C-alpha atoms as a PDB file:
ATOM      1  CA  MET A   1      -1.204  23.013  -0.331  1.00  0.00           C
ATOM      2  CA  ILE A   2       1.569  24.814  -2.101  1.00  0.00           C
ATOM      3  CA  ASN A   3       1.353  26.516  -5.464  1.00  0.00           C
ATOM      4  CA  ILE A   4       4.550  26.832  -7.476  1.00  0.00           C
ATOM      5  CA  PHE A   5       4.559  29.357 -10.327  1.00  0.00           C
ATOM      6  CA  VAL A   6       7.414  30.017 -12.773  1.00  0.00           C
ATOM      7  CA  LYS A   7       7.544  33.631 -13.957  1.00  0.00           C
ATOM      8  CA  HIS A   8       8.701  33.047 -17.517  1.00  0.00           C
ATOM      9  CA  THR A   9       7.143  32.021 -20.821  1.00  0.00           C
ATOM     10  CA  SER A  10       9.792  29.571 -22.009  1.00  0.00           C
ATOM     11  CA  ALA A  11      10.109  27.376 -18.920  1.00  0.00           C
ATOM     12  CA  GLY A  12       7.578  25.091 -17.262  1.00  0.00           C
ATOM     13  CA  LEU A  13       6.798  22.740 -14.416  1.00  0.00           C
ATOM     14  CA  MET A  14       5.568  19.177 -14.243  1.00  0.00           C
ATOM     15  CA  ILE A  15       5.275  16.214 -11.924  1.00  0.00           C
ATOM     16  CA  ASN A  16       6.611  12.958 -13.278  1.00  0.00           C
ATOM     17  CA  GLU A  17       8.595   9.845 -12.420  1.00  0.00           C
ATOM     18  CA  ASN A  18      12.093  10.496 -11.184  1.00  0.00           C
ATOM     19  CA  ALA A  19      13.289   6.964 -10.366  1.00  0.00           C
ATOM     20  CA  ASP A  20      14.525   6.031 -13.850  1.00  0.00           C
ATOM     21  CA  PRO A  21      16.677   8.611 -15.715  1.00  0.00           C
ATOM     22  CA  ASP A  22      15.369   7.224 -19.017  1.00  0.00           C
ATOM     23  CA  VAL A  23      12.052   8.982 -18.297  1.00  0.00           C
ATOM     24  CA  HIS A  24      13.803  12.354 -18.394  1.00  0.00           C
ATOM     25  CA  THR A  25      15.602  11.432 -21.621  1.00  0.00           C
ATOM     26  CA  ASP A  26      12.431  10.167 -23.299  1.00  0.00           C
ATOM     27  CA  LEU A  27      10.400  13.222 -22.243  1.00  0.00           C
ATOM     28  CA  ASN A  28      13.025  15.504 -23.806  1.00  0.00           C
ATOM     29  CA  THR A  29      13.044  13.418 -26.982  1.00  0.00           C
ATOM     30  CA  LEU A  30       9.253  13.525 -27.294  1.00  0.00           C
ATOM     31  CA  LEU A  31       9.044  17.270 -26.649  1.00  0.00           C
ATOM     32  CA  ASP A  32      11.797  17.905 -29.223  1.00  0.00           C
ATOM     33  CA  ARG A  33       9.867  15.861 -31.784  1.00  0.00           C
ATOM     34  CA  VAL A  34       6.692  17.848 -31.166  1.00  0.00           C
ATOM     35  CA  ALA A  35       8.482  21.226 -31.244  1.00  0.00           C
ATOM     36  CA  PRO A  36      11.850  20.944 -33.005  1.00  0.00           C
ATOM     37  CA  GLU A  37      14.283  23.834 -33.264  1.00  0.00           C
ATOM     38  CA  ASN A  38      14.820  25.562 -36.629  1.00  0.00           C
ATOM     39  CA  ASP A  39      11.466  24.508 -38.070  1.00  0.00           C
ATOM     40  CA  PRO A  40      10.822  26.747 -41.115  1.00  0.00           C
ATOM     41  CA  PHE A  41       7.155  26.934 -40.041  1.00  0.00           C
ATOM     42  CA  TYR A  42       7.953  29.350 -37.158  1.00  0.00           C
ATOM     43  CA  THR A  43       7.547  33.092 -37.621  1.00  0.00           C
ATOM     44  CA  HIS A  44       8.732  34.064 -34.103  1.00  0.00           C
ATOM     45  CA  THR A  45      12.475  33.635 -34.618  1.00  0.00           C
ATOM     46  CA  LEU A  46      14.092  36.912 -33.468  1.00  0.00           C
ATOM     47  CA  GLU A  47      15.263  35.472 -30.143  1.00  0.00           C
ATOM     48  CA  GLY A  48      16.901  32.386 -31.621  1.00  0.00           C
ATOM     49  CA  PRO A  49      15.981  28.937 -32.911  1.00  0.00           C
ATOM     50  CA  ASP A  50      15.153  27.579 -29.434  1.00  0.00           C
ATOM     51  CA  ASP A  51      12.733  30.362 -28.429  1.00  0.00           C
ATOM     52  CA  MET A  52       9.488  29.438 -30.200  1.00  0.00           C
ATOM     53  CA  PRO A  53       9.851  25.730 -29.398  1.00  0.00           C
ATOM     54  CA  ALA A  54      10.428  26.747 -25.754  1.00  0.00           C
ATOM     55  CA  HIS A  55       7.239  28.839 -25.712  1.00  0.00           C
ATOM     56  CA  PHE A  56       5.242  25.942 -27.133  1.00  0.00           C
ATOM     57  CA  LYS A  57       6.690  23.389 -24.708  1.00  0.00           C
ATOM     58  CA  SER A  58       5.933  25.619 -21.733  1.00  0.00           C
ATOM     59  CA  ALA A  59       2.392  26.119 -23.041  1.00  0.00           C
ATOM     60  CA  ILE A  60       1.930  22.335 -23.160  1.00  0.00           C
ATOM     61  CA  LEU A  61       3.285  21.713 -19.640  1.00  0.00           C
ATOM     62  CA  GLY A  62       2.102  24.871 -17.929  1.00  0.00           C
ATOM     63  CA  HIS A  63       3.616  27.425 -15.611  1.00  0.00           C
ATOM     64  CA  SER A  64       2.260  26.328 -12.252  1.00  0.00           C
ATOM     65  CA  LEU A  65       1.597  23.320 -10.050  1.00  0.00           C
ATOM     66  CA  THR A  66      -0.416  22.864  -6.906  1.00  0.00           C
ATOM     67  CA  VAL A  67       0.815  20.099  -4.616  1.00  0.00           C
ATOM     68  CA  PRO A  68      -0.646  18.927  -1.307  1.00  0.00           C
ATOM     69  CA  VAL A  69       1.487  19.389   1.792  1.00  0.00           C
ATOM     70  CA  SER A  70       1.086  16.945   4.675  1.00  0.00           C
ATOM     71  CA  ARG A  71       3.007  17.166   7.944  1.00  0.00           C
ATOM     72  CA  GLY A  72       5.277  19.848   6.474  1.00  0.00           C
ATOM     73  CA  ARG A  73       6.288  17.793   3.408  1.00  0.00           C
ATOM     74  CA  LEU A  74       5.183  17.661  -0.211  1.00  0.00           C
ATOM     75  CA  ASN A  75       2.686  14.812  -0.490  1.00  0.00           C
ATOM     76  CA  LEU A  76       3.878  13.280  -3.764  1.00  0.00           C
ATOM     77  CA  GLY A  77       3.641   9.678  -4.892  1.00  0.00           C
ATOM     78  CA  THR A  78       6.492   7.231  -4.335  1.00  0.00           C
ATOM     79  CA  TRP A  79       8.157   7.817  -7.714  1.00  0.00           C
ATOM     80  CA  GLN A  80       7.027  11.385  -8.295  1.00  0.00           C
ATOM     81  CA  SER A  81       9.182  14.498  -8.352  1.00  0.00           C
ATOM     82  CA  ILE A  82       8.677  18.059  -9.475  1.00  0.00           C
ATOM     83  CA  TYR A  83      10.552  18.907 -12.648  1.00  0.00           C
ATOM     84  CA  PHE A  84      11.571  22.488 -13.409  1.00  0.00           C
ATOM     85  CA  CYS A  85      11.805  22.447 -17.191  1.00  0.00           C
ATOM     86  CA  GLU A  86      14.062  24.994 -18.856  1.00  0.00           C
ATOM     87  CA  PHE A  87      13.455  24.883 -22.591  1.00  0.00           C
ATOM     88  CA  ARG A  88      15.962  27.507 -23.746  1.00  0.00           C
ATOM     89  CA  THR A  89      19.585  26.530 -24.389  1.00  0.00           C
ATOM     90  CA  ARG A  90      20.705  29.551 -22.347  1.00  0.00           C
ATOM     91  CA  GLY A  91      17.616  30.422 -20.353  1.00  0.00           C
ATOM     92  CA  GLY A  92      19.139  32.882 -17.954  1.00  0.00           C
ATOM     93  CA  ASN A  93      17.769  33.635 -14.503  1.00  0.00           C
ATOM     94  CA  ARG A  94      14.321  32.315 -13.657  1.00  0.00           C
ATOM     95  CA  ARG A  95      12.093  33.216 -10.747  1.00  0.00           C
ATOM     96  CA  LEU A  96       9.607  31.026  -8.937  1.00  0.00           C
ATOM     97  CA  VAL A  97       6.760  32.176  -6.724  1.00  0.00           C
ATOM     98  CA  LEU A  98       5.830  29.724  -3.951  1.00  0.00           C
ATOM     99  CA  THR A  99       2.501  30.267  -2.192  1.00  0.00           C
ATOM    100  CA  LEU A 100       1.698  28.082   0.799  1.00  0.00           C
ATOM    101  CA  TYR A 101      -1.974  27.642   1.699  1.00  0.00           C
ATOM    102  CA  TYR A 102      -2.692  26.337   5.172  1.00  0.00           C
END
């Protein structure tokens, strides 16, 4: 097994289909509908209009994944891929921690 952890509060990880690029487009559209930028409801706005929506999106998706490893390879389904999701317009450097359990 491998655990992947992103060390930031406005980025996330998920496993999803990666065969059709429309999935990526639709996921972005849905997340933007749930947490749009510039919503007057937000009180945390000091870091820009994309910051609070980014925090919420990362809270929904999560900051870590655990994936089985078989024969030295990630044991994902046929259409599955790991998505690193950056939710800030200019997110800057991000760090991942990978922990392999064997």
